[in-house]
Amino acid sequence: MASVKLTEYSHGAGCGCKISPMLLDEILLSSIETSVYPKLLVGNANKDDAAAFDLGNGTSVLSTTDFFMPIVDDAFTFGQIAATNALSDIYAMGGKPLMAISIFGWPIDKLSAEVAREVIDGGRSICEDAGIPLAGGHSIDSPEPIFGLAVTGLVNNKHLMQNSSAQEDCLIFLTKPLGIGILSTAQKQKKIEEGHIEPAIKAMTTLNKIGTELAVLEGVVAMTDVTGFGLLGHLTEICEANRIGAKIWFDKVPLLPNVEKYRQLGCIPGGARKNFASYGDKISEMTQEQREILCDAQTSGGLLVIVKKSGLEVFLALTEASGLILEAIGETRSKRQHMVEVL
């Protein structure tokens, strides 16, 4: 089992497998508006992380799903990453997860049941960390390994985080460093050096639990998690939903160790190129370095948090108490020629 390298059985990796933002917009043109179902507080109109259905008692049930092909070779770790990533959608909406069910595809003619069990066990271990059961699921025989979760959560309607709740003159924070796509591509290309993928794995298996705590702060007005569309893609979604603009201070954006080393070696995921092709016209002129990092397709990335300047002190006190030393990476502003300006 130790010799099995899961990334050799998939054409893509992690959230880099996502359909490009441009193509997804075309696919979802016929989506039903939330106005058809008044209790559906959040659908996919503003590209939020999870759906929210009002229960009529001041709370809403949250529902989301996320799954992908292996981003690492180790089966247990793959299960952990996929589960952490799926749970992140609930935290990004300000909610608490209640339970999860698995989505599992396995090439039964190529990989053993023992390896499959390791994937499920990895996912279950993360659910246990989140305090919820992995309550079941569905499996199919598929050409490539696939794993993820459908997660149900609960949120107080007053603390529901939406892409459309941002505003101008706020600061932008990111709770995990970027570069996961670049480092995982280096691993897939067999260029990664010993010990260099571990910081990315640690980031990908760290739950975004803090989202539930941040959502209750008056100063936090919007939140989303950064995954396959990259930092600029998810920030653009927030700007579009509120008809505002933003600027990013590139030198303030946190990066994982050795990202620049592998970027210069050409370890750029295909997802990053698809991302830029989808929304690059909405971004100011960038250097190649800025484009490849800010469009880098993240898997199980951090929370992108929009914070009112008046709420900064309380926000930083909470994040520091949780072990996060954060610095603003940009700010929101009125809409300009380019939706996002990179400085």
Protein backbone atom coordinates (compact mmCIF):
# COMPACT_ATOMS: atom_id res chain seq x y z
CA MET A 1 0.00 0.00 0.00
CA ALA A 2 2.90 2.34 0.74
CA SER A 3 3.98 2.20 -2.93
CA VAL A 4 0.63 3.48 -4.23
CA LYS A 5 0.80 7.07 -5.47
CA LEU A 6 -2.75 8.32 -5.89
CA THR A 7 -1.85 11.38 -7.99
CA GLU A 8 -0.73 9.02 -10.76
CA TYR A 9 -4.34 7.86 -11.14
CA SER A 10 -5.92 11.27 -11.81
CA HIS A 11 -5.66 13.81 -14.60
CA GLY A 12 -6.13 16.75 -12.21
CA ALA A 13 -5.50 17.56 -8.59
CA GLY A 14 -7.73 18.90 -5.82
CA CYS A 15 -9.70 22.05 -6.51
CA GLY A 16 -7.62 22.57 -9.64
CA CYS A 17 -10.08 20.10 -11.20
CA LYS A 18 -12.88 22.67 -10.97
CA ILE A 19 -14.59 23.84 -14.14
CA SER A 20 -13.35 27.33 -15.06
CA PRO A 21 -15.38 30.31 -13.77
CA MET A 22 -16.22 31.36 -17.34
CA LEU A 23 -17.57 27.95 -18.35
CA LEU A 24 -19.41 27.55 -15.05
CA ASP A 25 -21.23 30.85 -15.66
CA GLU A 26 -22.41 29.48 -19.00
CA ILE A 27 -23.58 26.22 -17.44
CA LEU A 28 -25.55 27.98 -14.70
CA LEU A 29 -27.37 30.46 -16.92
CA SER A 30 -30.67 28.67 -16.39
CA SER A 31 -30.36 28.42 -12.59
CA ILE A 32 -33.52 29.04 -10.56
CA GLU A 33 -33.60 32.37 -8.73
CA THR A 34 -34.09 32.36 -4.95
CA SER A 35 -37.22 34.50 -5.42
CA VAL A 36 -39.04 31.38 -6.65
CA TYR A 37 -38.49 29.84 -3.21
CA PRO A 38 -38.73 32.60 -0.56
CA LYS A 39 -37.29 30.41 2.20
CA LEU A 40 -34.17 29.77 0.13
CA LEU A 41 -32.16 32.67 1.51
CA VAL A 42 -29.03 31.80 -0.45
CA GLY A 43 -28.89 29.92 -3.73
CA ASN A 44 -26.23 30.27 -6.41
CA ALA A 45 -27.11 33.78 -7.62
CA ASN A 46 -24.01 35.33 -6.03
CA LYS A 47 -21.78 32.24 -6.08
CA ASP A 48 -21.83 31.73 -2.32
CA ASP A 49 -20.21 28.76 -0.63
CA ALA A 50 -23.36 26.95 0.52
CA ALA A 51 -27.12 27.10 0.11
CA ALA A 52 -29.13 28.46 3.05
CA PHE A 53 -32.76 27.51 3.70
CA ASP A 54 -34.70 29.45 6.35
CA LEU A 55 -36.24 27.20 9.00
CA GLY A 56 -38.51 29.98 10.24
CA ASN A 57 -37.10 30.06 13.77
CA GLY A 58 -34.24 32.51 13.25
CA THR A 59 -31.89 29.86 11.88
CA SER A 60 -31.15 28.37 8.49
CA VAL A 61 -29.96 24.96 7.42
CA LEU A 62 -26.82 25.09 5.27
CA SER A 63 -26.12 22.55 2.54
CA THR A 64 -23.00 22.13 0.42
CA THR A 65 -20.96 19.54 -1.41
CA ASP A 66 -17.36 19.39 -2.59
CA PHE A 67 -15.27 16.58 -4.03
CA PHE A 68 -12.22 16.13 -6.23
CA MET A 69 -9.41 13.84 -7.37
CA PRO A 70 -6.21 13.25 -5.36
CA ILE A 71 -3.92 16.18 -4.68
CA VAL A 72 -1.46 14.06 -2.66
CA ASP A 73 -0.24 10.49 -2.98
CA ASP A 74 -1.08 9.26 0.51
CA ALA A 75 -4.65 7.90 0.72
CA PHE A 76 -5.37 8.88 4.34
CA THR A 77 -4.08 12.42 3.76
CA PHE A 78 -6.16 12.74 0.59
CA GLY A 79 -9.25 11.87 2.61
CA GLN A 80 -8.33 14.45 5.24
CA ILE A 81 -7.81 17.22 2.69
CA ALA A 82 -11.03 16.51 0.80
CA ALA A 83 -13.06 16.50 4.01
CA THR A 84 -11.44 19.69 5.34
CA ASN A 85 -12.14 21.40 2.05
CA ALA A 86 -15.83 20.39 2.02
CA LEU A 87 -16.40 21.47 5.61
CA SER A 88 -14.87 24.86 4.84
CA ASP A 89 -17.99 25.94 2.94
CA ILE A 90 -20.07 25.71 6.12
CA TYR A 91 -17.56 27.69 8.15
CA ALA A 92 -17.29 30.32 5.41
CA MET A 93 -21.05 30.92 5.70
CA GLY A 94 -20.68 31.47 9.46
CA GLY A 95 -22.28 28.14 10.31
CA LYS A 96 -21.59 25.03 12.33
CA PRO A 97 -21.53 21.64 10.58
CA LEU A 98 -24.02 19.03 11.80
CA MET A 99 -23.19 15.94 9.75
CA ALA A 100 -21.63 14.80 6.50
CA ILE A 101 -22.10 12.03 3.97
CA SER A 102 -19.38 10.92 1.59
CA ILE A 103 -19.14 11.06 -2.19
CA PHE A 104 -16.79 8.32 -3.33
CA GLY A 105 -15.61 7.13 -6.71
CA TRP A 106 -13.02 4.38 -7.00
CA PRO A 107 -11.26 2.57 -9.88
CA ILE A 108 -11.84 -0.89 -8.43
CA ASP A 109 -9.83 -2.59 -11.18
CA LYS A 110 -6.73 -0.48 -10.39
CA LEU A 111 -6.71 0.26 -6.66
CA SER A 112 -7.45 -2.01 -3.71
CA ALA A 113 -10.22 -1.80 -1.16
CA GLU A 114 -7.54 -1.34 1.49
CA VAL A 115 -6.39 1.93 -0.10
CA ALA A 116 -10.01 3.01 -0.49
CA ARG A 117 -10.59 2.41 3.22
CA GLU A 118 -7.65 4.68 4.04
CA VAL A 119 -9.28 7.53 2.09
CA ILE A 120 -12.57 7.13 3.96
CA ASP A 121 -10.74 6.87 7.30
CA GLY A 122 -8.93 10.12 6.57
CA GLY A 123 -12.21 11.86 5.85
CA ARG A 124 -13.78 10.42 9.00
CA SER A 125 -10.88 11.66 11.13
CA ILE A 126 -11.50 15.24 10.01
CA CYS A 127 -15.23 14.92 10.66
CA GLU A 128 -14.36 13.78 14.17
CA ASP A 129 -12.15 16.85 14.59
CA ALA A 130 -15.13 18.96 13.52
CA GLY A 131 -17.33 17.14 16.06
CA ILE A 132 -19.70 15.61 13.51
CA PRO A 133 -20.47 12.12 12.20
CA LEU A 134 -19.65 10.85 8.76
CA ALA A 135 -23.13 9.42 8.50
CA GLY A 136 -23.09 7.53 5.21
CA GLY A 137 -22.61 8.28 1.54
CA HIS A 138 -22.67 6.95 -1.98
CA SER A 139 -19.98 5.18 -4.01
CA ILE A 140 -19.44 4.33 -7.66
CA ASP A 141 -16.87 2.51 -9.77
CA SER A 142 -15.08 5.36 -11.58
CA PRO A 143 -12.02 5.67 -13.86
CA GLU A 144 -10.26 7.93 -11.35
CA PRO A 145 -10.30 8.20 -7.54
CA ILE A 146 -12.82 10.79 -6.30
CA PHE A 147 -13.65 11.73 -2.74
CA GLY A 148 -15.53 14.49 -0.97
CA LEU A 149 -18.43 15.26 1.31
CA ALA A 150 -21.94 16.63 1.24
CA VAL A 151 -22.24 18.60 4.46
CA THR A 152 -25.27 19.89 6.36
CA GLY A 153 -24.87 22.77 8.79
CA LEU A 154 -26.81 25.31 10.82
CA VAL A 155 -26.43 29.08 11.12
CA ASN A 156 -28.13 31.90 12.99
CA ASN A 157 -29.68 34.10 10.29
CA LYS A 158 -28.18 37.21 11.90
CA HIS A 159 -24.71 35.79 11.40
CA LEU A 160 -25.18 34.36 7.90
CA MET A 161 -22.19 35.34 5.77
CA GLN A 162 -22.90 36.07 2.11
CA ASN A 163 -20.84 37.34 -0.82
CA SER A 164 -23.43 40.08 -1.24
CA SER A 165 -22.96 41.55 2.26
CA ALA A 166 -19.62 43.29 1.67
CA GLN A 167 -19.24 47.06 1.47
CA GLU A 168 -16.72 49.73 0.53
CA ASP A 169 -13.91 51.00 2.78
CA CYS A 170 -13.24 47.67 4.48
CA LEU A 171 -10.00 45.74 4.97
CA ILE A 172 -9.35 42.35 3.38
CA PHE A 173 -7.74 39.47 5.28
CA LEU A 174 -6.69 35.93 4.34
CA THR A 175 -6.36 33.24 7.03
CA LYS A 176 -4.10 30.79 5.14
CA PRO A 177 -1.13 31.44 2.84
CA LEU A 178 -1.32 30.93 -0.92
CA GLY A 179 0.70 28.59 -3.11
CA ILE A 180 -1.00 25.23 -2.63
CA GLY A 181 -1.61 24.79 -6.36
CA ILE A 182 2.00 25.52 -7.25
CA LEU A 183 3.43 23.16 -4.63
CA SER A 184 1.02 20.34 -5.46
CA THR A 185 1.87 20.74 -9.15
CA ALA A 186 5.56 20.49 -8.26
CA GLN A 187 4.77 17.22 -6.51
CA LYS A 188 2.80 15.89 -9.48
CA GLN A 189 5.71 16.84 -11.79
CA LYS A 190 8.10 15.04 -9.40
CA LYS A 191 10.09 18.24 -8.81
CA ILE A 192 9.25 18.67 -5.14
CA GLU A 193 12.10 18.34 -2.65
CA GLU A 194 11.83 16.43 0.60
CA GLY A 195 9.90 18.33 3.25
CA HIS A 196 8.59 21.03 0.90
CA ILE A 197 5.03 19.70 0.49
CA GLU A 198 4.42 19.34 4.24
CA PRO A 199 3.51 23.01 4.93
CA ALA A 200 0.89 22.79 2.18
CA ILE A 201 -0.53 19.58 3.65
CA LYS A 202 -0.72 21.18 7.08
CA ALA A 203 -2.62 24.13 5.62
CA MET A 204 -4.99 21.90 3.64
CA THR A 205 -5.84 19.76 6.67
CA THR A 206 -6.46 22.69 9.02
CA LEU A 207 -10.18 23.28 9.53
CA ASN A 208 -11.50 26.81 9.02
CA LYS A 209 -13.44 26.55 12.30
CA ILE A 210 -12.67 30.16 13.10
CA GLY A 211 -15.25 31.20 10.50
CA THR A 212 -18.04 30.39 12.95
CA GLU A 213 -16.50 32.73 15.52
CA LEU A 214 -15.72 35.50 13.04
CA ALA A 215 -19.28 35.57 11.73
CA VAL A 216 -20.67 36.84 15.04
CA LEU A 217 -18.40 39.90 15.03
CA GLU A 218 -20.17 43.10 14.04
CA GLY A 219 -17.13 44.22 12.08
CA VAL A 220 -17.03 41.16 9.80
CA VAL A 221 -19.36 41.87 6.87
CA ALA A 222 -18.52 39.14 4.34
CA MET A 223 -16.53 35.93 4.14
CA THR A 224 -15.75 33.20 1.62
CA ASP A 225 -13.14 30.48 1.33
CA VAL A 226 -10.41 30.61 -1.30
CA THR A 227 -10.36 27.45 -3.37
CA GLY A 228 -10.14 26.54 -7.04
CA PHE A 229 -10.78 29.98 -8.53
CA GLY A 230 -7.81 31.50 -6.71
CA LEU A 231 -7.69 34.58 -4.50
CA LEU A 232 -8.61 36.97 -7.32
CA GLY A 233 -11.47 34.79 -8.51
CA HIS A 234 -13.18 34.63 -5.15
CA LEU A 235 -12.53 38.32 -4.43
CA THR A 236 -14.04 39.19 -7.80
CA GLU A 237 -17.18 37.23 -6.88
CA ILE A 238 -17.57 39.37 -3.77
CA CYS A 239 -16.99 42.59 -5.71
CA GLU A 240 -19.50 41.62 -8.40
CA ALA A 241 -22.16 40.72 -5.83
CA ASN A 242 -21.86 44.16 -4.21
CA ARG A 243 -20.93 46.28 -7.25
CA ILE A 244 -17.79 47.48 -5.52
CA GLY A 245 -14.07 47.33 -6.24
CA ALA A 246 -10.98 46.25 -4.34
CA LYS A 247 -7.25 46.58 -4.33
CA ILE A 248 -4.70 43.99 -3.25
CA TRP A 249 -1.29 44.83 -1.81
CA PHE A 250 0.72 42.01 -3.33
CA ASP A 251 3.65 42.26 -0.92
CA LYS A 252 1.24 41.68 1.99
CA VAL A 253 -0.22 38.44 0.61
CA PRO A 254 1.08 35.48 2.70
CA LEU A 255 2.76 32.63 0.80
CA LEU A 256 3.73 29.11 1.76
CA PRO A 257 7.48 28.39 1.95
CA ASN A 258 9.28 27.71 -1.37
CA VAL A 259 6.36 28.83 -3.57
CA GLU A 260 8.56 31.21 -5.56
CA LYS A 261 11.19 28.49 -6.09
CA TYR A 262 8.69 26.17 -7.76
CA ARG A 263 6.90 28.95 -9.59
CA GLN A 264 10.19 29.78 -11.31
CA LEU A 265 10.56 26.09 -12.18
CA GLY A 266 7.30 26.34 -14.12
CA CYS A 267 5.09 24.41 -11.69
CA ILE A 268 1.95 26.33 -12.59
CA PRO A 269 -1.35 24.40 -12.37
CA GLY A 270 -3.61 24.44 -15.39
CA GLY A 271 -6.36 25.78 -13.15
CA ALA A 272 -4.43 29.03 -12.68
CA ARG A 273 -4.35 29.63 -16.42
CA LYS A 274 -8.06 28.83 -16.75
CA ASN A 275 -8.75 31.23 -13.91
CA PHE A 276 -6.92 34.14 -15.51
CA ALA A 277 -8.61 33.47 -18.85
CA SER A 278 -11.99 33.67 -17.08
CA TYR A 279 -11.62 36.90 -15.12
CA GLY A 280 -8.31 38.50 -16.10
CA ASP A 281 -10.11 41.33 -17.94
CA LYS A 282 -11.57 42.44 -14.58
CA ILE A 283 -8.12 42.80 -12.98
CA SER A 284 -5.56 45.57 -13.44
CA GLU A 285 -2.30 44.83 -15.25
CA MET A 286 -0.16 42.35 -13.32
CA THR A 287 3.33 40.93 -13.51
CA GLN A 288 3.71 37.25 -14.36
CA GLU A 289 4.56 36.52 -10.72
CA GLN A 290 1.43 38.30 -9.46
CA ARG A 291 -0.79 36.55 -11.98
CA GLU A 292 0.54 33.06 -11.28
CA ILE A 293 0.24 33.43 -7.50
CA LEU A 294 -3.01 35.36 -7.19
CA CYS A 295 -4.79 33.11 -9.71
CA ASP A 296 -3.25 29.94 -8.24
CA ALA A 297 -5.94 27.32 -7.73
CA GLN A 298 -6.07 26.60 -3.98
CA THR A 299 -7.35 23.42 -2.39
CA SER A 300 -8.80 23.73 1.12
CA GLY A 301 -7.54 27.31 1.27
CA GLY A 302 -8.13 29.95 3.89
CA LEU A 303 -10.99 32.32 4.55
CA LEU A 304 -11.13 35.61 2.70
CA VAL A 305 -12.61 37.98 5.28
CA ILE A 306 -13.95 41.50 4.71
CA VAL A 307 -13.70 43.58 7.89
CA LYS A 308 -14.94 47.08 8.66
CA LYS A 309 -12.12 49.32 9.84
CA SER A 310 -14.11 50.13 12.97
CA GLY A 311 -14.11 46.43 13.86
CA LEU A 312 -10.41 45.83 13.25
CA GLU A 313 -9.27 45.71 16.88
CA VAL A 314 -11.83 43.09 17.93
CA PHE A 315 -11.17 41.04 14.79
CA LEU A 316 -7.41 40.95 15.35
CA ALA A 317 -7.85 40.12 19.02
CA LEU A 318 -9.97 37.08 18.16
CA THR A 319 -7.69 35.83 15.37
CA GLU A 320 -4.57 36.27 17.52
CA ALA A 321 -6.21 34.35 20.36
CA SER A 322 -6.81 31.55 17.83
CA GLY A 323 -3.13 31.48 16.87
CA LEU A 324 -3.42 33.51 13.67
CA ILE A 325 -1.17 36.54 13.18
CA LEU A 326 -2.87 38.36 10.32
CA GLU A 327 -2.20 41.51 8.34
CA ALA A 328 -4.56 43.17 5.88
CA ILE A 329 -3.77 42.26 2.27
CA GLY A 330 -5.97 44.92 0.70
CA GLU A 331 -9.14 46.95 0.98
CA THR A 332 -12.49 47.39 -0.70
CA ARG A 333 -13.48 50.62 -2.42
CA SER A 334 -15.84 52.01 -5.01
CA LYS A 335 -15.98 50.30 -8.38
CA ARG A 336 -13.36 51.54 -10.87
CA GLN A 337 -12.29 50.66 -14.42
CA HIS A 338 -10.84 47.42 -13.09
CA MET A 339 -12.82 45.57 -10.47
CA VAL A 340 -9.63 44.59 -8.62
CA GLU A 341 -6.37 46.51 -8.73
CA VAL A 342 -3.15 44.71 -7.81
CA LEU A 343 -0.46 46.95 -6.38
